Protein backbone atom coordinates (compact mmCIF):
# COMPACT_ATOMS: atom_id res chain seq x y z
CA MET A 1 86.08 78.03 115.21
CA PRO A 2 89.17 75.62 114.86
CA ASP A 3 90.36 73.92 118.20
CA THR A 4 94.10 74.84 117.38
CA PRO A 5 95.40 78.30 118.39
CA PHE A 6 96.02 81.04 115.53
CA ASP A 7 98.90 81.87 114.25
CA LEU A 8 98.71 85.36 113.31
CA PHE A 9 101.49 85.99 110.99
CA GLU A 10 100.17 82.90 108.89
CA ILE A 11 96.83 84.37 108.62
CA MET A 12 98.36 87.38 107.60
CA ARG A 13 100.32 85.37 105.27
CA THR A 14 97.37 83.96 103.91
CA THR A 15 94.49 86.54 104.15
CA ARG A 16 94.08 86.83 100.29
CA SER A 17 91.61 89.69 98.80
CA MET A 18 88.55 86.90 98.37
CA ARG A 19 86.35 88.48 95.75
CA ARG A 20 84.30 85.38 94.61
CA LEU A 21 81.92 84.95 97.57
CA LYS A 22 79.30 82.32 97.93
CA PRO A 23 75.85 83.87 98.76
CA ASP A 24 74.98 81.71 101.96
CA PRO A 25 74.31 83.50 104.94
CA ILE A 26 77.22 83.91 107.35
CA PRO A 27 76.20 82.54 110.97
CA ASN A 28 75.56 85.90 113.70
CA GLU A 29 78.20 84.24 115.80
CA LEU A 30 80.85 84.79 112.87
CA LEU A 31 80.25 88.24 112.17
CA ASN A 32 79.65 89.51 115.78
CA GLN A 33 83.44 87.92 116.17
CA VAL A 34 84.43 90.13 112.92
CA LEU A 35 83.05 93.31 114.03
CA GLU A 36 84.12 93.29 117.59
CA ALA A 37 87.31 92.30 116.13
CA GLY A 38 86.95 96.27 114.43
CA THR A 39 86.35 97.58 117.92
CA PHE A 40 89.80 96.39 119.15
CA ALA A 41 91.33 98.36 116.89
CA ALA A 42 93.78 101.31 117.92
CA ASN A 43 91.76 104.88 117.05
CA GLY A 44 92.62 108.36 117.56
CA GLY A 45 92.35 109.48 121.43
CA ASN A 46 90.49 105.97 121.83
CA MET A 47 87.18 108.00 121.14
CA GLN A 48 85.98 104.80 118.91
CA SER A 49 84.11 107.49 116.63
CA TRP A 50 83.50 104.24 114.39
CA ARG A 51 80.58 103.39 113.13
CA PHE A 52 79.79 99.95 111.17
CA LEU A 53 77.18 99.74 109.29
CA VAL A 54 75.97 95.99 108.21
CA ILE A 55 73.91 95.65 105.31
CA HIS A 56 71.64 92.66 104.49
CA ASP A 57 69.08 94.17 102.75
CA PRO A 58 69.01 92.54 98.83
CA ALA A 59 67.52 96.04 97.71
CA ILE A 60 69.74 98.43 99.48
CA LYS A 61 72.82 96.06 97.81
CA GLN A 62 71.34 96.23 94.56
CA ALA A 63 71.34 99.91 94.51
CA ALA A 64 74.38 100.68 95.81
CA ALA A 65 76.19 97.86 93.59
CA ALA A 66 74.83 99.93 90.66
CA TYR A 67 77.24 102.31 91.25
CA TYR A 68 80.05 100.12 92.29
CA ARG A 69 79.77 98.39 89.06
CA LYS A 70 79.58 101.51 86.99
CA ALA A 71 82.85 102.97 88.39
CA TRP A 72 84.49 99.64 87.53
CA HIS A 73 83.56 99.15 84.19
CA GLU A 74 83.94 102.76 83.06
CA VAL A 75 86.95 103.60 85.11
CA VAL A 76 89.10 101.30 87.22
CA GLY A 77 88.87 97.89 85.17
CA PRO A 78 90.51 99.89 82.17
CA ARG A 79 92.69 101.74 83.96
CA TYR A 80 94.27 98.24 85.37
CA ARG A 81 93.97 96.63 81.86
CA SER A 82 96.42 99.44 80.40
CA GLY A 83 99.07 98.94 82.95
CA GLY A 84 101.03 96.08 84.02
CA PRO A 85 101.04 93.35 86.26
CA ALA A 86 101.60 94.71 90.19
CA PRO A 87 104.94 93.83 91.66
CA GLY A 88 105.67 90.57 92.82
CA THR A 89 103.03 88.57 90.45
CA THR A 90 103.30 87.65 86.65
CA PRO A 91 100.85 88.64 83.82
CA GLU A 92 99.07 85.60 84.41
CA ARG A 93 98.07 85.74 87.91
CA PHE A 94 97.13 89.56 87.30
CA ALA A 95 94.97 88.59 84.32
CA ARG A 96 93.51 85.82 87.16
CA MET A 97 92.77 88.88 89.65
CA LEU A 98 90.99 90.98 87.21
CA GLY A 99 88.70 88.41 86.06
CA ALA A 100 88.12 87.96 90.10
CA ALA A 101 87.82 91.85 90.25
CA GLU A 102 85.40 91.67 87.70
CA TYR A 103 83.15 89.36 88.99
CA LEU A 104 83.20 90.86 92.12
CA ALA A 105 81.77 94.01 90.35
CA ASP A 106 78.97 91.71 88.39
CA HIS A 107 78.11 89.83 91.37
CA PHE A 108 78.62 92.69 94.83
CA HIS A 109 75.34 92.62 95.42
CA GLU A 110 74.96 88.98 95.84
CA ALA A 111 77.59 89.11 98.99
CA PRO A 112 75.39 88.03 101.60
CA VAL A 113 76.67 91.00 104.11
CA TRP A 114 78.14 93.89 103.57
CA ILE A 115 80.39 95.68 106.45
CA VAL A 116 80.62 99.70 105.64
CA PRO A 117 83.01 101.37 108.00
CA CYS A 118 82.04 104.82 108.48
CA LEU A 119 83.27 107.98 110.80
CA SER A 120 81.03 111.37 110.78
CA GLY A 121 82.32 114.59 109.94
CA PRO A 122 84.64 116.17 107.45
CA ARG A 123 86.24 113.26 105.37
CA GLY A 124 89.63 112.63 106.66
CA SER A 125 92.94 110.38 106.23
CA GLY A 126 91.12 107.40 107.69
CA SER A 127 93.60 106.93 110.13
CA SER A 128 90.52 106.08 112.94
CA ILE A 129 89.15 103.55 110.49
CA PHE A 130 91.53 101.43 108.84
CA PRO A 131 93.42 100.02 111.63
CA ALA A 132 89.69 98.35 112.46
CA VAL A 133 88.99 97.34 108.62
CA GLN A 134 92.30 95.54 108.65
CA ASN A 135 91.30 94.13 112.09
CA MET A 136 88.29 92.59 110.40
CA LEU A 137 89.64 91.34 107.31
CA LEU A 138 92.01 89.29 109.55
CA ALA A 139 89.12 88.33 112.08
CA ALA A 140 87.20 86.89 108.98
CA ARG A 141 90.21 85.06 107.38
CA ALA A 142 90.59 83.35 110.80
CA VAL A 143 86.80 82.07 111.38
CA GLY A 144 86.74 81.34 107.39
CA LEU A 145 85.16 83.68 106.17
CA GLY A 146 86.26 85.73 102.71
CA ALA A 147 86.58 89.11 102.53
CA THR A 148 88.00 92.20 100.48
CA LEU A 149 88.52 95.88 101.34
CA THR A 150 87.45 98.20 98.20
CA THR A 151 87.01 101.84 97.99
CA LEU A 152 86.45 101.88 94.29
CA TYR A 153 82.71 102.71 94.52
CA LEU A 154 83.96 106.47 95.97
CA ILE A 155 84.18 107.61 92.30
CA HIS A 156 80.47 107.52 92.82
CA GLU A 157 80.48 108.44 96.38
CA LYS A 158 77.55 110.87 97.16
CA GLU A 159 75.32 108.32 94.59
CA THR A 160 76.39 105.32 96.88
CA GLU A 161 76.13 106.53 100.08
CA ALA A 162 72.78 108.02 99.13
CA ALA A 163 71.52 104.27 98.22
CA MET A 164 73.05 102.80 101.47
CA GLY A 165 71.20 105.79 103.67
CA LEU A 166 73.85 107.25 104.92
CA PRO A 167 73.39 110.75 106.55
CA GLU A 168 74.82 113.73 104.87
CA ASP A 169 77.26 114.15 107.96
CA VAL A 170 78.65 110.28 107.46
CA HIS A 171 81.04 109.13 105.42
CA SER A 172 81.76 105.70 104.25
CA TYR A 173 85.91 104.50 103.88
CA ALA A 174 85.47 101.62 102.45
CA ILE A 175 82.93 98.48 101.71
CA LEU A 176 83.69 95.19 102.88
CA PRO A 177 81.73 92.38 100.97
CA VAL A 178 82.26 89.28 103.65
CA GLY A 179 80.95 85.82 102.96
CA PHE A 180 82.03 81.97 102.52
CA PRO A 181 84.56 82.04 99.83
CA MET A 182 84.33 80.22 96.86
CA GLY A 183 88.23 79.45 96.33
CA LYS A 184 90.80 78.69 98.87
CA PHE A 185 92.74 80.65 101.06
CA GLY A 186 96.60 80.82 100.17
CA PRO A 187 99.39 82.89 100.27
CA VAL A 188 99.74 86.50 99.23
CA ARG A 189 102.30 87.20 96.29
CA ARG A 190 104.35 90.64 97.27
CA ALA A 191 107.61 92.21 96.42
CA PRO A 192 110.27 91.09 98.41
CA LEU A 193 111.55 92.96 101.42
CA GLU A 194 114.72 94.45 99.10
CA GLU A 195 112.56 96.39 97.07
CA VAL A 196 110.41 98.17 99.16
CA VAL A 197 112.33 98.71 102.56
CA TYR A 198 114.92 101.48 102.52
CA GLN A 199 117.69 101.26 105.68
CA ASP A 200 118.53 104.82 107.48
CA LYS A 201 118.27 106.78 104.08
CA TRP A 202 115.85 107.09 101.41
CA GLY A 203 117.17 104.76 98.19
CA GLU A 204 119.50 103.18 100.62
CA ALA A 205 119.13 99.34 100.16
CA TYR A 206 117.77 97.39 103.36
CA ARG A 207 120.35 94.88 104.42
CA VAL A 208 118.36 91.62 105.00
CA THR A 209 120.07 89.42 107.52
């Protein structure tokens, strides 16, 4: 852990999706900090109904990753490639992002740890789980770990959840592969406020002062 205080806004500005991860094991103290950060999140009625499945087992990851890889190569990858770059980026950066996403699909099982946030009962909006997910992503960045939020495996939801051993009345809402990043953290690239924020009325330009 760094000795200097954390700057929350700097952490948010530099929490990129890190899809290329080293297979090196993660110290338990760092993983515990990330998981505990998840439990600090807001949730409906403070019922804390979340459950976090931590997967180290290579055989489980191999079995589940087969469906992730299938979803990427057959559905999601072709869909991205048929479209244009995301707002705030260039074709070159978009191509690099796609390359990193494909790398993740082919090496998903090699991430040393998966965190799978879950809720029991019928699948809902995730309002009581995604704040915890964001907390864990920011905490991972704060302690020097790379991670990304991915849900594309849900194309093969039942098969993947069966491979991960989830009970039938429990649903996963994402998988967070976590590890030490191969690359460097850096600023995220997003569209400017003027393009995504309206003022008072829908479509009314936001006045940045």
